[in-house]
Amino acid sequence: MVIATTRHEARDGAEAVDVALALRPAVTTARAAARPEAPAIGQGRTGNIVATYRLGDRDAVDAAF
């Protein structure tokens, strides 16, 4: 964004903007983002899972079925 008081200053400011973009791998679903090999959402991160919440007793449910 360029803020200026005149059109000429705005044009000069816009011409001074230098944007560098880099292509990065992407995923399109939450399931794909949760895989260990998925690209991390931030630098220095090792994965995309923030928290895991489990409720209940898996052994009791398995025994009931």
PDB file of N, CA and C in Angstrom:
ATOM      1  N   MET A   1       0.846  -1.144   0.000  1.00  0.00           N
ATOM      2  CA  MET A   1       0.000   0.000   0.000  1.00  0.00           C
ATOM      3  C   MET A   1       0.902   1.219   0.000  1.00  0.00           C
ATOM      4  N   VAL A   2       0.547   2.167  -0.809  1.00  0.00           N
ATOM      5  CA  VAL A   2       1.290   3.419  -0.882  1.00  0.00           C
ATOM      6  C   VAL A   2       0.341   4.548  -0.495  1.00  0.00           C
ATOM      7  N   ILE A   3       0.788   5.405   0.402  1.00  0.00           N
ATOM      8  CA  ILE A   3       0.006   6.576   0.801  1.00  0.00           C
ATOM      9  C   ILE A   3       0.807   7.805   0.415  1.00  0.00           C
ATOM     10  N   ALA A   4       0.172   8.702  -0.297  1.00  0.00           N
ATOM     11  CA  ALA A   4       0.861   9.911  -0.750  1.00  0.00           C
ATOM     12  C   ALA A   4      -0.132  11.065  -0.815  1.00  0.00           C
ATOM     13  N   THR A   5       0.409  12.263  -0.915  1.00  0.00           N
ATOM     14  CA  THR A   5      -0.455  13.443  -0.993  1.00  0.00           C
ATOM     15  C   THR A   5      -0.723  13.870  -2.427  1.00  0.00           C
ATOM     16  N   THR A   6       0.098  13.412  -3.367  1.00  0.00           N
ATOM     17  CA  THR A   6      -0.142  13.733  -4.778  1.00  0.00           C
ATOM     18  C   THR A   6      -0.074  12.463  -5.608  1.00  0.00           C
ATOM     19  N   ARG A   7      -0.644  12.547  -6.783  1.00  0.00           N
ATOM     20  CA  ARG A   7      -0.612  11.421  -7.712  1.00  0.00           C
ATOM     21  C   ARG A   7       0.827  11.087  -8.102  1.00  0.00           C
ATOM     22  N   HIS A   8       1.646  12.108  -8.309  1.00  0.00           N
ATOM     23  CA  HIS A   8       3.043  11.900  -8.693  1.00  0.00           C
ATOM     24  C   HIS A   8       3.801  11.156  -7.583  1.00  0.00           C
ATOM     25  N   GLU A   9       3.623  11.567  -6.342  1.00  0.00           N
ATOM     26  CA  GLU A   9       4.277  10.886  -5.225  1.00  0.00           C
ATOM     27  C   GLU A   9       3.791   9.443  -5.103  1.00  0.00           C
ATOM     28  N   ALA A  10       2.502   9.222  -5.333  1.00  0.00           N
ATOM     29  CA  ALA A  10       1.947   7.867  -5.262  1.00  0.00           C
ATOM     30  C   ALA A  10       2.566   6.986  -6.343  1.00  0.00           C
ATOM     31  N   ARG A  11       2.710   7.521  -7.548  1.00  0.00           N
ATOM     32  CA  ARG A  11       3.308   6.748  -8.643  1.00  0.00           C
ATOM     33  C   ARG A  11       4.758   6.419  -8.310  1.00  0.00           C
ATOM     34  N   ASP A  12       5.503   7.393  -7.809  1.00  0.00           N
ATOM     35  CA  ASP A  12       6.901   7.138  -7.435  1.00  0.00           C
ATOM     36  C   ASP A  12       6.987   6.088  -6.326  1.00  0.00           C
ATOM     37  N   GLY A  13       6.094   6.183  -5.360  1.00  0.00           N
ATOM     38  CA  GLY A  13       6.078   5.204  -4.277  1.00  0.00           C
ATOM     39  C   GLY A  13       5.747   3.812  -4.772  1.00  0.00           C
ATOM     40  N   ALA A  14       4.762   3.717  -5.669  1.00  0.00           N
ATOM     41  CA  ALA A  14       4.374   2.409  -6.216  1.00  0.00           C
ATOM     42  C   ALA A  14       5.508   1.796  -7.024  1.00  0.00           C
ATOM     43  N   GLU A  15       6.249   2.618  -7.748  1.00  0.00           N
ATOM     44  CA  GLU A  15       7.369   2.100  -8.538  1.00  0.00           C
ATOM     45  C   GLU A  15       8.520   1.636  -7.651  1.00  0.00           C
ATOM     46  N   ALA A  16       8.583   2.137  -6.431  1.00  0.00           N
ATOM     47  CA  ALA A  16       9.658   1.758  -5.511  1.00  0.00           C
ATOM     48  C   ALA A  16       9.366   0.441  -4.792  1.00  0.00           C
ATOM     49  N   VAL A  17       8.142  -0.048  -4.873  1.00  0.00           N
ATOM     50  CA  VAL A  17       7.771  -1.291  -4.189  1.00  0.00           C
ATOM     51  C   VAL A  17       8.411  -2.473  -4.905  1.00  0.00           C
ATOM     52  N   ASP A  18       9.052  -3.327  -4.146  1.00  0.00           N
ATOM     53  CA  ASP A  18       9.695  -4.522  -4.703  1.00  0.00           C
ATOM     54  C   ASP A  18       9.139  -5.736  -3.965  1.00  0.00           C
ATOM     55  N   VAL A  19       8.448  -6.595  -4.684  1.00  0.00           N
ATOM     56  CA  VAL A  19       7.825  -7.771  -4.082  1.00  0.00           C
ATOM     57  C   VAL A  19       8.544  -9.016  -4.586  1.00  0.00           C
ATOM     58  N   ALA A  20       8.959  -9.851  -3.650  1.00  0.00           N
ATOM     59  CA  ALA A  20       9.607 -11.115  -4.005  1.00  0.00           C
ATOM     60  C   ALA A  20       8.694 -12.256  -3.548  1.00  0.00           C
ATOM     61  N   LEU A  21       8.278 -13.077  -4.472  1.00  0.00           N
ATOM     62  CA  LEU A  21       7.406 -14.204  -4.172  1.00  0.00           C
ATOM     63  C   LEU A  21       8.151 -15.504  -4.429  1.00  0.00           C
ATOM     64  N   ALA A  22       7.860 -16.490  -3.626  1.00  0.00           N
ATOM     65  CA  ALA A  22       8.460 -17.810  -3.815  1.00  0.00           C
ATOM     66  C   ALA A  22       7.339 -18.839  -3.840  1.00  0.00           C
ATOM     67  N   LEU A  23       7.403 -19.731  -4.798  1.00  0.00           N
ATOM     68  CA  LEU A  23       6.423 -20.807  -4.863  1.00  0.00           C
ATOM     69  C   LEU A  23       6.702 -21.795  -3.735  1.00  0.00           C
ATOM     70  N   ARG A  24       5.645 -22.172  -3.047  1.00  0.00           N
ATOM     71  CA  ARG A  24       5.762 -23.135  -1.956  1.00  0.00           C
ATOM     72  C   ARG A  24       4.754 -24.240  -2.180  1.00  0.00           C
ATOM     73  N   PRO A  25       5.052 -25.456  -1.713  1.00  0.00           N
ATOM     74  CA  PRO A  25       4.088 -26.535  -1.857  1.00  0.00           C
ATOM     75  C   PRO A  25       2.826 -26.217  -1.055  1.00  0.00           C
ATOM     76  N   ALA A  26       1.713 -26.736  -1.508  1.00  0.00           N
ATOM     77  CA  ALA A  26       0.444 -26.463  -0.846  1.00  0.00           C
ATOM     78  C   ALA A  26      -0.373 -27.736  -0.709  1.00  0.00           C
ATOM     79  N   VAL A  27      -1.287 -27.721   0.233  1.00  0.00           N
ATOM     80  CA  VAL A  27      -2.274 -28.785   0.391  1.00  0.00           C
ATOM     81  C   VAL A  27      -3.646 -28.122   0.394  1.00  0.00           C
ATOM     82  N   THR A  28      -4.671 -28.878   0.050  1.00  0.00           N
ATOM     83  CA  THR A  28      -5.994 -28.272  -0.102  1.00  0.00           C
ATOM     84  C   THR A  28      -7.035 -28.808   0.867  1.00  0.00           C
ATOM     85  N   THR A  29      -6.649 -29.738   1.736  1.00  0.00           N
ATOM     86  CA  THR A  29      -7.597 -30.257   2.715  1.00  0.00           C
ATOM     87  C   THR A  29      -6.922 -30.347   4.078  1.00  0.00           C
ATOM     88  N   ALA A  30      -7.730 -30.321   5.111  1.00  0.00           N
ATOM     89  CA  ALA A  30      -7.200 -30.453   6.471  1.00  0.00           C
ATOM     90  C   ALA A  30      -6.555 -31.814   6.670  1.00  0.00           C
ATOM     91  N   ARG A  31      -7.145 -32.844   6.091  1.00  0.00           N
ATOM     92  CA  ARG A  31      -6.578 -34.191   6.221  1.00  0.00           C
ATOM     93  C   ARG A  31      -5.179 -34.254   5.605  1.00  0.00           C
ATOM     94  N   ALA A  32      -4.995 -33.638   4.452  1.00  0.00           N
ATOM     95  CA  ALA A  32      -3.680 -33.625   3.812  1.00  0.00           C
ATOM     96  C   ALA A  32      -2.687 -32.785   4.621  1.00  0.00           C
ATOM     97  N   ALA A  33      -3.146 -31.697   5.214  1.00  0.00           N
ATOM     98  CA  ALA A  33      -2.267 -30.840   6.017  1.00  0.00           C
ATOM     99  C   ALA A  33      -1.828 -31.528   7.303  1.00  0.00           C
ATOM    100  N   ALA A  34      -2.612 -32.482   7.786  1.00  0.00           N
ATOM    101  CA  ALA A  34      -2.286 -33.178   9.034  1.00  0.00           C
ATOM    102  C   ALA A  34      -1.250 -34.282   8.835  1.00  0.00           C
ATOM    103  N   ARG A  35      -0.983 -34.670   7.623  1.00  0.00           N
ATOM    104  CA  ARG A  35      -0.005 -35.736   7.377  1.00  0.00           C
ATOM    105  C   ARG A  35       1.397 -35.262   7.770  1.00  0.00           C
ATOM    106  N   PRO A  36       2.209 -36.161   8.279  1.00  0.00           N
ATOM    107  CA  PRO A  36       3.569 -35.774   8.711  1.00  0.00           C
ATOM    108  C   PRO A  36       4.411 -35.188   7.584  1.00  0.00           C
ATOM    109  N   GLU A  37       4.189 -35.619   6.355  1.00  0.00           N
ATOM    110  CA  GLU A  37       5.008 -35.136   5.238  1.00  0.00           C
ATOM    111  C   GLU A  37       4.475 -33.849   4.615  1.00  0.00           C
ATOM    112  N   ALA A  38       3.382 -33.314   5.133  1.00  0.00           N
ATOM    113  CA  ALA A  38       2.794 -32.088   4.591  1.00  0.00           C
ATOM    114  C   ALA A  38       3.702 -30.895   4.872  1.00  0.00           C
ATOM    115  N   PRO A  39       3.703 -29.909   3.977  1.00  0.00           N
ATOM    116  CA  PRO A  39       4.499 -28.713   4.254  1.00  0.00           C
ATOM    117  C   PRO A  39       3.963 -27.994   5.491  1.00  0.00           C
ATOM    118  N   ALA A  40       4.867 -27.566   6.361  1.00  0.00           N
ATOM    119  CA  ALA A  40       4.465 -26.888   7.597  1.00  0.00           C
ATOM    120  C   ALA A  40       3.942 -25.490   7.290  1.00  0.00           C
ATOM    121  N   ILE A  41       3.004 -25.016   8.121  1.00  0.00           N
ATOM    122  CA  ILE A  41       2.392 -23.714   7.877  1.00  0.00           C
ATOM    123  C   ILE A  41       3.281 -22.552   8.297  1.00  0.00           C
ATOM    124  N   GLY A  42       4.340 -22.826   9.022  1.00  0.00           N
ATOM    125  CA  GLY A  42       5.216 -21.746   9.443  1.00  0.00           C
ATOM    126  C   GLY A  42       6.661 -22.195   9.513  1.00  0.00           C
ATOM    127  N   GLN A  43       7.558 -21.241   9.399  1.00  0.00           N
ATOM    128  CA  GLN A  43       8.979 -21.562   9.486  1.00  0.00           C
ATOM    129  C   GLN A  43       9.311 -22.038  10.890  1.00  0.00           C
ATOM    130  N   GLY A  44      10.160 -23.037  10.969  1.00  0.00           N
ATOM    131  CA  GLY A  44      10.574 -23.560  12.255  1.00  0.00           C
ATOM    132  C   GLY A  44       9.587 -24.533  12.872  1.00  0.00           C
ATOM    133  N   ARG A  45       8.497 -24.810  12.194  1.00  0.00           N
ATOM    134  CA  ARG A  45       7.505 -25.759  12.699  1.00  0.00           C
ATOM    135  C   ARG A  45       7.788 -27.127  12.109  1.00  0.00           C
ATOM    136  N   THR A  46       7.467 -28.153  12.856  1.00  0.00           N
ATOM    137  CA  THR A  46       7.695 -29.512  12.371  1.00  0.00           C
ATOM    138  C   THR A  46       6.409 -30.187  11.921  1.00  0.00           C
ATOM    139  N   GLY A  47       5.300 -29.531  12.038  1.00  0.00           N
ATOM    140  CA  GLY A  47       4.028 -30.108  11.613  1.00  0.00           C
ATOM    141  C   GLY A  47       2.916 -29.075  11.719  1.00  0.00           C
ATOM    142  N   ASN A  48       1.708 -29.494  11.403  1.00  0.00           N
ATOM    143  CA  ASN A  48       0.574 -28.581  11.397  1.00  0.00           C
ATOM    144  C   ASN A  48      -0.463 -28.887  12.470  1.00  0.00           C
ATOM    145  N   ILE A  49      -0.213 -29.883  13.314  1.00  0.00           N
ATOM    146  CA  ILE A  49      -1.147 -30.233  14.380  1.00  0.00           C
ATOM    147  C   ILE A  49      -0.806 -29.386  15.605  1.00  0.00           C
ATOM    148  N   VAL A  50      -1.773 -28.642  16.103  1.00  0.00           N
ATOM    149  CA  VAL A  50      -1.553 -27.791  17.269  1.00  0.00           C
ATOM    150  C   VAL A  50      -1.894 -28.544  18.544  1.00  0.00           C
ATOM    151  N   ALA A  51      -2.995 -29.305  18.522  1.00  0.00           N
ATOM    152  CA  ALA A  51      -3.411 -30.028  19.718  1.00  0.00           C
ATOM    153  C   ALA A  51      -4.180 -31.279  19.305  1.00  0.00           C
ATOM    154  N   THR A  52      -4.147 -32.283  20.166  1.00  0.00           N
ATOM    155  CA  THR A  52      -4.927 -33.493  19.976  1.00  0.00           C
ATOM    156  C   THR A  52      -5.752 -33.711  21.229  1.00  0.00           C
ATOM    157  N   TYR A  53      -7.043 -33.963  21.048  1.00  0.00           N
ATOM    158  CA  TYR A  53      -7.952 -34.144  22.175  1.00  0.00           C
ATOM    159  C   TYR A  53      -8.643 -35.482  22.024  1.00  0.00           C
ATOM    160  N   ARG A  54      -8.559 -36.303  23.034  1.00  0.00           N
ATOM    161  CA  ARG A  54      -9.204 -37.619  23.011  1.00  0.00           C
ATOM    162  C   ARG A  54     -10.124 -37.723  24.223  1.00  0.00           C
ATOM    163  N   LEU A  55     -11.276 -38.328  24.003  1.00  0.00           N
ATOM    164  CA  LEU A  55     -12.264 -38.454  25.073  1.00  0.00           C
ATOM    165  C   LEU A  55     -12.770 -39.884  25.079  1.00  0.00           C
ATOM    166  N   GLY A  56     -12.916 -40.446  26.235  1.00  0.00           N
ATOM    167  CA  GLY A  56     -13.477 -41.783  26.347  1.00  0.00           C
ATOM    168  C   GLY A  56     -12.435 -42.834  26.616  1.00  0.00           C
ATOM    169  N   ASP A  57     -12.889 -44.069  26.584  1.00  0.00           N
ATOM    170  CA  ASP A  57     -12.042 -45.218  26.868  1.00  0.00           C
ATOM    171  C   ASP A  57     -12.101 -46.151  25.668  1.00  0.00           C
ATOM    172  N   ARG A  58     -11.078 -46.114  24.856  1.00  0.00           N
ATOM    173  CA  ARG A  58     -11.049 -46.895  23.617  1.00  0.00           C
ATOM    174  C   ARG A  58     -11.207 -48.391  23.885  1.00  0.00           C
ATOM    175  N   ASP A  59     -10.519 -48.900  24.905  1.00  0.00           N
ATOM    176  CA  ASP A  59     -10.603 -50.336  25.220  1.00  0.00           C
ATOM    177  C   ASP A  59     -12.018 -50.732  25.612  1.00  0.00           C
ATOM    178  N   ALA A  60     -12.698 -49.890  26.392  1.00  0.00           N
ATOM    179  CA  ALA A  60     -14.075 -50.198  26.805  1.00  0.00           C
ATOM    180  C   ALA A  60     -15.017 -50.192  25.598  1.00  0.00           C
ATOM    181  N   VAL A  61     -14.837 -49.269  24.698  1.00  0.00           N
ATOM    182  CA  VAL A  61     -15.686 -49.218  23.495  1.00  0.00           C
ATOM    183  C   VAL A  61     -15.426 -50.439  22.633  1.00  0.00           C
ATOM    184  N   ASP A  62     -14.163 -50.778  22.423  1.00  0.00           N
ATOM    185  CA  ASP A  62     -13.842 -51.964  21.635  1.00  0.00           C
ATOM    186  C   ASP A  62     -14.434 -53.223  22.269  1.00  0.00           C
ATOM    187  N   ALA A  63     -14.347 -53.328  23.586  1.00  0.00           N
ATOM    188  CA  ALA A  63     -14.897 -54.491  24.275  1.00  0.00           C
ATOM    189  C   ALA A  63     -16.434 -54.553  24.124  1.00  0.00           C
ATOM    190  N   ALA A  64     -17.075 -53.398  24.139  1.00  0.00           N
ATOM    191  CA  ALA A  64     -18.545 -53.352  24.013  1.00  0.00           C
ATOM    192  C   ALA A  64     -18.999 -53.811  22.620  1.00  0.00           C
ATOM    193  N   PHE A  65     -18.198 -53.540  21.620  1.00  0.00           N
ATOM    194  CA  PHE A  65     -18.571 -53.947  20.271  1.00  0.00           C
ATOM    195  C   PHE A  65     -18.146 -55.370  20.001  1.00  0.00           C
TER     196      PHE A  65
END
